[in-house]
């Protein structure tokens, strides 16, 4: 997810509604309140399922108003670079067949240049070791140069890439060292030709943690997010999320441990980290509601901090529209800032074998503004531009509420459900669809609610505020 001029751009997976269903890439636009504007699918001309992942499905906006993104077909040893215009019309798809590799491990967010893009990440080599790479391409995605970094025989991951200036880029990750449960942080600065101009490696298992994200700072330093090794129990590594600041000489200015200790591989992590207009930073990812709670539920995670690493606020929103159980998973994969200073994040929620989109919006000081502006299981139909949507008024309401359809009614019958902010179902009706429908919420306490209307395989969601003062 990214923010583009107060429009929220979502990038994920979907399924086509053709006679032969096909898994493809779903691009969606929402307004600043989370209302769905339109969606489009990108399918493989060869009919292969397409896929993205936290590690290699990334999207960025481009100077011409369009979008650049990475993906992969699931049945070929290849990576995709995709360019669309502002309305998601396809401009090009470039496939990179790195045939000496078994699989692509990860791709970072593409970085736009004046004459093309720089891609980076890690690829598993024929010896099953992962090595970092960088690839420069022109404006049509054609490769200008491709370079591997590190030792072929040593596991070496690049988890993050950032632009320092038009001719300098920083890649950061971890490199294995001899011995069990051991790795060091490796930072490489490369120029526009892919040449390493600066290289730094930490001591094994540094306090700044196994690096996951990096952001350059105006003073020449780096903000890092990593997973610090706390202890090893029965050959299992236990780590904690860690923020740090390195100066221009790679000296540690400060370190802050910011989350729960957990087993490496149990994701309590930032999937995105962005600078904010007020000079602070926001991290977004996933954590747990409370490590000692029962059931132990996974929640989205937003964490705002200052340039000095000072804690400003934290939010752990839980998925509000699924039954609260130990099987529910909520993760925020992207975060961005609106012109108002409010922060929006998006990701996926999993309920057994069903996946949903969810959006979270918070005020600049971390108070919940909107939760779950869209609920859409991946097997539900993606609505075309201009299909029916409803409005609610008055909203906020003291109890009476009118649901009005602007376009064609979606069906004869609909299930109407209302959930509170914890995801508990508090009200439901099965109604014959009418142009205007009166709903009574007079018995509900004040608060934020999510209203879902489902007709067949289509689902619409709006937030409702009950307020009597």
Protein backbone atom coordinates (compact mmCIF):
# COMPACT_ATOMS: atom_id res chain seq x y z
CA UNK A 1 0.00 0.00 0.00
CA UNK A 2 1.11 3.55 -0.79
CA UNK A 3 -0.46 6.99 -0.53
CA UNK A 4 -0.64 9.08 -3.71
CA UNK A 5 -2.04 12.63 -3.32
CA UNK A 6 -4.48 11.55 -0.59
CA UNK A 7 -5.54 8.51 -2.61
CA UNK A 8 -4.76 5.12 -1.09
CA UNK A 9 -3.33 2.61 -3.58
CA UNK A 10 -3.65 -1.04 -2.61
CA UNK A 11 -1.71 -3.85 -4.28
CA UNK A 12 -2.53 -7.49 -3.66
CA UNK A 13 -3.93 -10.74 -5.03
CA UNK A 14 -7.33 -11.41 -6.56
CA UNK A 15 -9.20 -13.89 -8.72
CA UNK A 16 -10.72 -13.14 -12.11
CA UNK A 17 -14.42 -13.78 -12.73
CA UNK A 18 -13.96 -15.30 -16.19
CA UNK A 19 -15.23 -18.75 -17.15
CA UNK A 20 -11.76 -20.05 -16.22
CA UNK A 21 -10.85 -18.40 -12.90
CA UNK A 22 -7.29 -17.12 -12.75
CA UNK A 23 -5.21 -15.74 -9.91
CA UNK A 24 -3.87 -12.32 -10.72
CA UNK A 25 -2.67 -9.03 -9.30
CA UNK A 26 -5.28 -6.71 -7.84
CA UNK A 27 -4.83 -2.94 -7.91
CA UNK A 28 -7.35 -0.85 -5.96
CA UNK A 29 -7.90 2.82 -5.23
CA UNK A 30 -9.57 4.25 -2.13
CA UNK A 31 -10.25 7.80 -1.07
CA UNK A 32 -8.76 9.27 2.11
CA UNK A 33 -11.64 7.84 4.17
CA UNK A 34 -11.10 4.33 2.84
CA UNK A 35 -14.05 4.29 0.44
CA UNK A 36 -13.40 2.00 -2.50
CA UNK A 37 -13.14 3.88 -5.82
CA UNK A 38 -12.22 1.17 -8.33
CA UNK A 39 -10.11 -1.93 -8.90
CA UNK A 40 -8.43 -3.61 -11.84
CA UNK A 41 -6.79 -6.99 -12.35
CA UNK A 42 -3.51 -7.83 -14.09
CA UNK A 43 -3.39 -11.39 -15.45
CA UNK A 44 -0.60 -13.45 -17.01
CA UNK A 45 -1.10 -13.74 -20.81
CA UNK A 46 0.20 -17.31 -20.53
CA UNK A 47 -2.46 -18.17 -17.97
CA UNK A 48 -0.11 -18.75 -15.03
CA UNK A 49 -1.17 -17.72 -11.53
CA UNK A 50 0.56 -14.53 -10.43
CA UNK A 51 1.69 -13.92 -6.90
CA UNK A 52 3.15 -11.36 -4.54
CA UNK A 53 4.48 -11.62 -1.01
CA UNK A 54 5.61 -9.26 1.74
CA UNK A 55 9.15 -9.94 0.55
CA UNK A 56 8.72 -9.51 -3.21
CA UNK A 57 5.46 -7.77 -4.07
CA UNK A 58 6.27 -4.05 -3.84
CA UNK A 59 4.75 -0.93 -5.42
CA UNK A 60 5.90 2.68 -5.82
CA UNK A 61 4.49 5.74 -7.56
CA UNK A 62 6.34 7.29 -10.51
CA UNK A 63 6.90 10.88 -11.53
CA UNK A 64 4.54 10.58 -14.51
CA UNK A 65 1.62 9.78 -12.18
CA UNK A 66 1.75 6.05 -12.73
CA UNK A 67 2.92 3.08 -10.67
CA UNK A 68 5.78 0.59 -10.82
CA UNK A 69 5.57 -2.80 -9.05
CA UNK A 70 7.13 -6.25 -8.73
CA UNK A 71 5.49 -9.68 -8.86
CA UNK A 72 6.13 -13.21 -10.12
CA UNK A 73 4.35 -16.04 -11.95
CA UNK A 74 4.15 -19.14 -9.76
CA UNK A 75 5.15 -21.72 -12.38
CA UNK A 76 8.23 -20.05 -13.90
CA UNK A 77 11.62 -19.14 -12.44
CA UNK A 78 11.13 -15.46 -13.13
CA UNK A 79 10.40 -12.05 -11.68
CA UNK A 80 8.12 -9.38 -13.13
CA UNK A 81 8.43 -5.62 -13.31
CA UNK A 82 5.08 -3.98 -14.14
CA UNK A 83 4.34 -0.37 -15.09
CA UNK A 84 0.84 1.12 -15.22
CA UNK A 85 -0.52 4.61 -15.68
CA UNK A 86 -2.54 6.53 -13.09
CA UNK A 87 -5.72 4.58 -13.92
CA UNK A 88 -3.97 1.19 -13.76
CA UNK A 89 -3.83 0.81 -17.54
CA UNK A 90 -0.91 -1.47 -18.33
CA UNK A 91 2.14 0.15 -19.98
CA UNK A 92 4.59 -2.75 -19.88
CA UNK A 93 5.40 -6.06 -18.21
CA UNK A 94 9.03 -7.14 -18.19
CA UNK A 95 9.97 -10.67 -17.17
CA UNK A 96 13.47 -11.47 -15.92
CA UNK A 97 14.47 -15.10 -16.47
CA UNK A 98 17.46 -15.62 -14.20
CA UNK A 99 17.79 -19.21 -15.31
CA UNK A 100 20.80 -20.04 -13.13
CA UNK A 101 18.65 -19.50 -10.05
CA UNK A 102 16.27 -21.89 -8.35
CA UNK A 103 13.89 -19.18 -7.15
CA UNK A 104 13.67 -15.50 -6.33
CA UNK A 105 13.91 -14.87 -2.63
CA UNK A 106 12.91 -11.20 -2.41
CA UNK A 107 12.63 -7.92 -4.28
CA UNK A 108 12.78 -4.52 -2.61
CA UNK A 109 10.70 -1.49 -3.61
CA UNK A 110 11.78 -0.29 -7.09
CA UNK A 111 13.59 3.07 -7.08
CA UNK A 112 12.88 5.42 -9.98
CA UNK A 113 15.75 7.14 -11.78
CA UNK A 114 15.67 9.84 -14.45
CA UNK A 115 16.10 7.20 -17.16
CA UNK A 116 14.75 4.02 -15.59
CA UNK A 117 14.72 2.09 -12.32
CA UNK A 118 17.00 0.26 -9.89
CA UNK A 119 15.82 -3.10 -8.55
CA UNK A 120 17.45 -5.06 -5.76
CA UNK A 121 16.94 -8.00 -3.46
CA UNK A 122 18.22 -11.52 -2.98
CA UNK A 123 18.15 -14.60 -5.20
CA UNK A 124 18.79 -18.23 -4.35
CA UNK A 125 21.78 -19.42 -6.41
CA UNK A 126 22.35 -22.95 -7.78
CA UNK A 127 24.15 -23.88 -4.52
CA UNK A 128 20.95 -22.93 -2.62
CA UNK A 129 22.67 -19.93 -1.00
CA UNK A 130 20.97 -16.56 -1.25
CA UNK A 131 23.05 -13.70 -2.65
CA UNK A 132 22.24 -9.98 -2.98
CA UNK A 133 21.78 -8.44 -6.40
CA UNK A 134 21.03 -5.09 -8.04
CA UNK A 135 19.62 -4.58 -11.52
CA UNK A 136 19.42 -1.31 -13.42
CA UNK A 137 16.78 -1.13 -16.14
CA UNK A 138 15.68 1.51 -18.62
CA UNK A 139 12.21 3.11 -18.77
CA UNK A 140 10.81 0.04 -20.57
CA UNK A 141 12.32 -2.41 -18.08
CA UNK A 142 15.18 -3.58 -20.28
CA UNK A 143 18.26 -4.56 -18.29
CA UNK A 144 21.18 -2.11 -18.45
CA UNK A 145 23.34 -4.04 -15.99
CA UNK A 146 22.94 -6.80 -13.37
CA UNK A 147 25.34 -7.49 -10.50
CA UNK A 148 25.61 -9.98 -7.64
CA UNK A 149 27.26 -9.00 -4.35
CA UNK A 150 28.86 -10.96 -1.54
CA UNK A 151 30.48 -14.38 -1.43
CA UNK A 152 28.81 -17.07 -3.58
CA UNK A 153 29.33 -19.66 -0.82
CA UNK A 154 27.89 -17.55 2.03
CA UNK A 155 24.22 -16.85 2.75
CA UNK A 156 23.78 -13.11 2.30
CA UNK A 157 20.42 -11.30 2.27
CA UNK A 158 19.49 -7.77 1.21
CA UNK A 159 16.26 -6.83 2.98
CA UNK A 160 16.06 -3.12 2.18
CA UNK A 161 17.25 -0.58 -0.38
CA UNK A 162 16.98 3.22 -0.21
CA UNK A 163 17.99 6.15 -2.36
CA UNK A 164 20.55 8.52 -0.82
CA UNK A 165 20.75 10.78 -3.89
CA UNK A 166 20.48 10.43 -7.68
CA UNK A 167 23.78 8.52 -7.90
CA UNK A 168 24.07 6.76 -4.53
CA UNK A 169 21.98 3.93 -3.09
CA UNK A 170 22.22 1.93 0.11
CA UNK A 171 21.49 -1.79 0.47
CA UNK A 172 21.25 -3.38 3.89
CA UNK A 173 20.75 -6.91 5.15
CA UNK A 174 22.38 -9.78 6.99
CA UNK A 175 25.28 -12.10 6.22
CA UNK A 176 25.76 -15.49 7.87
CA UNK A 177 28.93 -16.11 9.87
CA UNK A 178 30.43 -19.36 11.04
CA UNK A 179 28.63 -20.92 13.98
CA UNK A 180 25.00 -21.66 14.77
CA UNK A 181 22.47 -18.81 15.06
CA UNK A 182 24.99 -16.20 13.99
CA UNK A 183 24.83 -13.38 11.44
CA UNK A 184 26.14 -9.87 10.97
CA UNK A 185 24.59 -6.75 9.44
CA UNK A 186 26.08 -5.78 6.06
CA UNK A 187 25.56 -2.33 4.53
CA UNK A 188 26.61 -1.58 0.95
CA UNK A 189 26.55 1.79 -0.78
CA UNK A 190 26.49 1.43 -4.57
CA UNK A 191 26.68 4.03 -7.34
CA UNK A 192 24.61 4.25 -10.51
CA UNK A 193 26.83 1.65 -12.20
CA UNK A 194 26.29 -0.88 -9.43
CA UNK A 195 29.80 -0.53 -8.04
CA UNK A 196 30.21 -0.84 -4.25
CA UNK A 197 31.70 2.45 -3.04
CA UNK A 198 31.32 1.81 0.71
CA UNK A 199 31.02 -1.44 2.64
CA UNK A 200 30.46 -2.03 6.35
CA UNK A 201 29.79 -5.13 8.40
CA UNK A 202 28.92 -5.30 12.06
CA UNK A 203 30.17 -7.75 14.64
CA UNK A 204 28.16 -11.02 14.79
CA UNK A 205 24.68 -10.66 16.33
CA UNK A 206 24.88 -6.89 16.87
CA UNK A 207 22.58 -5.05 19.24
CA UNK A 208 21.02 -3.19 16.28
CA UNK A 209 19.60 -6.58 15.24
CA UNK A 210 19.33 -8.55 12.03
CA UNK A 211 18.43 -5.76 9.63
CA UNK A 212 14.98 -5.62 8.01
CA UNK A 213 14.57 -1.93 7.00
CA UNK A 214 16.79 1.09 6.49
CA UNK A 215 16.17 4.82 5.94
CA UNK A 216 18.86 7.42 5.17
CA UNK A 217 18.82 10.61 7.27
CA UNK A 218 19.70 14.17 6.29
CA UNK A 219 22.92 14.13 8.37
CA UNK A 220 24.33 11.19 6.40
CA UNK A 221 23.32 8.57 8.94
CA UNK A 222 20.89 5.67 8.80
CA UNK A 223 17.78 4.66 10.76
CA UNK A 224 17.55 0.87 10.95
CA UNK A 225 14.94 -1.61 12.08
CA UNK A 226 16.10 -5.10 12.97
CA UNK A 227 15.57 -8.15 15.15
CA UNK A 228 18.06 -8.31 18.02
CA UNK A 229 19.15 -11.77 19.20
CA UNK A 230 18.27 -12.10 22.92
CA UNK A 231 19.03 -15.77 23.54
CA UNK A 232 19.22 -19.21 21.94
CA UNK A 233 17.10 -22.00 23.44
CA UNK A 234 17.43 -25.53 22.03
CA UNK A 235 18.98 -24.11 18.83
CA UNK A 236 16.05 -21.71 18.36
CA UNK A 237 16.84 -17.98 18.20
CA UNK A 238 14.70 -15.59 20.25
CA UNK A 239 14.74 -11.98 19.07
CA UNK A 240 13.12 -8.64 19.81
CA UNK A 241 12.28 -5.76 17.43
CA UNK A 242 14.92 -3.04 17.58
CA UNK A 243 15.34 0.48 16.20
CA UNK A 244 18.77 2.10 15.90
CA UNK A 245 20.56 5.11 14.47
CA UNK A 246 23.98 4.84 12.84
CA UNK A 247 26.00 7.97 12.06
CA UNK A 248 27.84 8.55 8.76
CA UNK A 249 30.77 6.46 10.07
CA UNK A 250 28.48 3.56 11.08
CA UNK A 251 28.85 4.35 14.79
CA UNK A 252 25.74 3.58 16.84
CA UNK A 253 24.13 6.77 18.20
CA UNK A 254 21.20 5.05 19.92
CA UNK A 255 19.40 1.71 20.16
CA UNK A 256 15.78 1.11 21.27
CA UNK A 257 14.15 -2.29 21.81
CA UNK A 258 10.50 -1.77 20.96
CA UNK A 259 8.53 -5.04 21.03
CA UNK A 260 8.05 -8.47 22.51
CA UNK A 261 10.73 -11.15 22.60
CA UNK A 262 9.70 -13.96 20.25
CA UNK A 263 11.09 -16.88 18.31
CA UNK A 264 12.75 -15.90 15.03
CA UNK A 265 10.28 -16.69 12.26
CA UNK A 266 7.24 -15.73 14.36
CA UNK A 267 6.61 -12.39 12.74
CA UNK A 268 6.58 -9.49 15.19
CA UNK A 269 8.08 -7.02 12.81
CA UNK A 270 7.75 -3.92 10.66
CA UNK A 271 6.87 -4.66 7.05
CA UNK A 272 7.17 -0.97 6.17
CA UNK A 273 8.85 2.07 7.69
CA UNK A 274 8.36 5.62 6.40
CA UNK A 275 9.38 9.20 7.30
CA UNK A 276 6.59 11.65 8.22
CA UNK A 277 6.13 15.32 7.42
CA UNK A 278 6.60 16.29 11.09
CA UNK A 279 10.14 14.88 11.07
CA UNK A 280 9.25 11.67 12.88
CA UNK A 281 8.92 8.10 11.60
CA UNK A 282 6.20 5.44 11.46
CA UNK A 283 6.65 1.68 11.35
CA UNK A 284 3.87 -0.70 10.30
CA UNK A 285 3.69 -4.46 10.54
CA UNK A 286 2.30 -7.07 12.87
CA UNK A 287 2.54 -8.04 16.52
CA UNK A 288 0.36 -9.75 19.12
CA UNK A 289 -2.30 -8.24 21.36
CA UNK A 290 -0.54 -9.45 24.53
CA UNK A 291 1.96 -12.30 24.80
CA UNK A 292 0.25 -13.59 27.94
CA UNK A 293 -3.35 -13.33 26.76
CA UNK A 294 -5.66 -16.19 25.83
CA UNK A 295 -6.31 -16.60 23.03
CA UNK A 296 -3.11 -14.99 21.80
CA UNK A 297 -4.25 -12.96 18.79
CA UNK A 298 -2.17 -11.40 16.06
CA UNK A 299 -2.80 -7.70 15.52
CA UNK A 300 -1.70 -4.96 13.19
CA UNK A 301 1.13 -2.82 14.55
CA UNK A 302 1.76 0.91 14.14
CA UNK A 303 4.69 2.48 16.01
CA UNK A 304 5.63 6.17 15.80
CA UNK A 305 9.04 7.34 16.99
CA UNK A 306 11.24 10.44 16.89
CA UNK A 307 14.62 10.89 15.12
CA UNK A 308 16.23 10.25 18.51
CA UNK A 309 14.36 6.96 18.87
CA UNK A 310 11.90 8.36 21.40
CA UNK A 311 8.59 6.51 21.68
CA UNK A 312 5.65 8.72 20.61
CA UNK A 313 2.74 6.27 20.39
CA UNK A 314 1.82 2.72 19.49
CA UNK A 315 -1.40 1.22 18.09
CA UNK A 316 -2.26 -2.49 17.92
CA UNK A 317 -5.57 -2.62 16.03
CA UNK A 318 -7.24 -6.02 15.81
CA UNK A 319 -9.31 -7.18 12.87
CA UNK A 320 -12.83 -5.97 13.76
CA UNK A 321 -14.95 -8.12 11.46
CA UNK A 322 -13.76 -11.66 12.24
CA UNK A 323 -14.54 -13.78 15.30
CA UNK A 324 -11.77 -13.24 17.83
CA UNK A 325 -9.86 -16.51 18.00
CA UNK A 326 -6.29 -17.72 18.04
CA UNK A 327 -6.51 -18.44 14.33
CA UNK A 328 -7.09 -14.86 13.21
CA UNK A 329 -4.12 -13.04 11.74
CA UNK A 330 -4.01 -9.32 11.06
CA UNK A 331 -0.94 -7.77 9.43
CA UNK A 332 -0.31 -4.27 8.07
CA UNK A 333 1.99 -4.46 5.06
CA UNK A 334 2.14 -0.80 4.03
CA UNK A 335 1.79 2.64 5.61
CA UNK A 336 1.56 6.23 4.40
CA UNK A 337 0.64 9.76 5.43
CA UNK A 338 -2.26 11.91 4.21
CA UNK A 339 -2.03 15.68 3.76
CA UNK A 340 -4.01 16.07 7.01
CA UNK A 341 -1.21 14.33 8.92
CA UNK A 342 -3.39 11.27 9.52
CA UNK A 343 -1.74 7.91 8.92
CA UNK A 344 -3.24 5.06 6.93
CA UNK A 345 -2.08 1.46 6.77
CA UNK A 346 -3.35 -1.58 4.91
CA UNK A 347 -2.75 -5.29 4.87
CA UNK A 348 -4.41 -8.66 5.06
CA UNK A 349 -6.51 -10.48 7.62
CA UNK A 350 -6.74 -14.26 7.57
CA UNK A 351 -9.59 -16.31 9.00
CA UNK A 352 -8.66 -19.96 8.44
CA UNK A 353 -8.55 -20.25 4.60
CA UNK A 354 -10.18 -16.89 3.80
CA UNK A 355 -8.19 -13.71 3.22
CA UNK A 356 -9.54 -10.19 3.59
CA UNK A 357 -8.34 -6.68 2.84
CA UNK A 358 -8.39 -4.26 5.75
CA UNK A 359 -7.54 -0.59 6.16
CA UNK A 360 -6.66 1.35 9.29
CA UNK A 361 -6.57 5.14 9.67
CA UNK A 362 -5.31 6.94 12.76
CA UNK A 363 -4.96 10.60 13.66
CA UNK A 364 -1.46 12.15 13.92
CA UNK A 365 -1.47 11.42 17.66
CA UNK A 366 -2.41 7.76 17.19
CA UNK A 367 -6.15 7.81 17.95
CA UNK A 368 -8.25 5.43 15.87
CA UNK A 369 -10.14 7.26 13.12
CA UNK A 370 -11.34 4.52 10.77
CA UNK A 371 -10.99 0.78 11.09
CA UNK A 372 -11.61 -1.71 8.32
CA UNK A 373 -13.01 0.60 5.66
CA UNK A 374 -13.24 -2.32 3.23
CA UNK A 375 -13.96 -5.97 3.89
CA UNK A 376 -13.48 -8.19 0.87
CA UNK A 377 -12.71 -11.90 0.90
CA UNK A 378 -10.35 -12.76 -1.93
CA UNK A 379 -12.91 -15.09 -3.51
CA UNK A 380 -15.55 -12.36 -3.67
CA UNK A 381 -16.19 -10.45 -6.88
CA UNK A 382 -14.08 -7.37 -7.58
CA UNK A 383 -16.50 -4.56 -8.43
CA UNK A 384 -16.09 -2.74 -11.71
CA UNK A 385 -15.97 1.05 -11.86
CA UNK A 386 -19.42 2.58 -11.43
CA UNK A 387 -21.16 -0.40 -9.78
CA UNK A 388 -23.62 0.14 -6.95
CA UNK A 389 -22.48 1.69 -3.69
CA UNK A 390 -24.52 2.97 -0.78
CA UNK A 391 -24.46 6.03 1.42
CA UNK A 392 -25.36 6.37 5.10
CA UNK A 393 -26.89 9.40 6.78
CA UNK A 394 -26.84 10.92 9.25
CA UNK A 395 -23.38 9.75 10.22
CA UNK A 396 -22.58 10.27 13.10
CA UNK A 397 -26.06 9.24 14.21
CA UNK A 398 -27.99 9.29 17.47
CA UNK A 399 -29.72 6.04 16.50
CA UNK A 400 -31.81 6.25 13.31
CA UNK A 401 -29.83 5.57 10.13
CA UNK A 402 -30.77 5.65 6.43
CA UNK A 403 -29.01 3.38 3.94
CA UNK A 404 -29.49 4.68 0.38
CA UNK A 405 -28.30 3.14 -2.91
CA UNK A 406 -27.04 5.53 -5.57
CA UNK A 407 -27.06 3.02 -8.44
CA UNK A 408 -28.65 -0.30 -9.27
CA UNK A 409 -29.64 -2.50 -6.36
CA UNK A 410 -27.25 -5.43 -5.99
CA UNK A 411 -29.91 -8.12 -5.45
CA UNK A 412 -33.28 -9.03 -4.01
CA UNK A 413 -32.00 -9.99 -0.57
CA UNK A 414 -29.07 -8.81 1.49
CA UNK A 415 -27.54 -9.65 4.85
CA UNK A 416 -26.86 -6.49 6.85
CA UNK A 417 -24.49 -6.83 9.80
CA UNK A 418 -23.04 -4.39 12.29
CA UNK A 419 -19.78 -5.02 14.17
CA UNK A 420 -18.32 -3.06 17.05
CA UNK A 421 -14.66 -1.97 17.16
CA UNK A 422 -13.59 -5.30 18.69
CA UNK A 423 -15.13 -7.29 15.82
CA UNK A 424 -18.14 -8.51 17.82
CA UNK A 425 -21.36 -8.89 15.84
CA UNK A 426 -23.88 -6.65 17.62
CA UNK A 427 -26.76 -6.44 15.14
CA UNK A 428 -27.94 -8.20 11.99
CA UNK A 429 -30.91 -8.27 9.62
CA UNK A 430 -31.88 -10.12 6.45
CA UNK A 431 -33.67 -7.54 4.31
CA UNK A 432 -35.23 -7.22 0.88
CA UNK A 433 -33.27 -4.51 -0.90
CA UNK A 434 -34.94 -1.11 -1.31
CA UNK A 435 -33.71 2.21 -2.69
CA UNK A 436 -33.76 3.64 0.86
CA UNK A 437 -33.70 1.49 3.97
CA UNK A 438 -34.27 2.71 7.53
CA UNK A 439 -32.13 1.11 10.24
CA UNK A 440 -32.52 1.65 13.97
CA UNK A 441 -29.38 1.64 16.14
CA UNK A 442 -30.99 3.32 19.14
CA UNK A 443 -30.05 0.56 21.61
CA UNK A 444 -26.32 0.67 20.85
CA UNK A 445 -23.80 2.51 23.01
CA UNK A 446 -21.78 5.38 21.54
CA UNK A 447 -18.77 4.31 19.52
CA UNK A 448 -17.31 3.29 16.17
CA UNK A 449 -19.03 0.47 14.23
CA UNK A 450 -18.58 -1.30 10.90
CA UNK A 451 -21.71 -1.86 8.75
CA UNK A 452 -21.45 -4.67 6.20
CA UNK A 453 -23.98 -5.30 3.42
CA UNK A 454 -23.59 -8.61 1.61
CA UNK A 455 -25.64 -9.68 -1.42
CA UNK A 456 -24.54 -12.93 -3.00
CA UNK A 457 -20.78 -12.81 -3.52
CA UNK A 458 -20.60 -9.01 -3.31
CA UNK A 459 -19.82 -7.15 -0.11
CA UNK A 460 -19.79 -3.45 0.82
CA UNK A 461 -18.64 -1.87 4.05
CA UNK A 462 -18.96 1.56 5.65
CA UNK A 463 -18.06 2.83 9.09
CA UNK A 464 -20.77 4.23 11.37
CA UNK A 465 -20.32 6.46 14.41
CA UNK A 466 -23.05 6.34 17.07
CA UNK A 467 -23.00 9.55 19.06
CA UNK A 468 -25.83 11.03 21.10
CA UNK A 469 -24.25 14.25 22.26
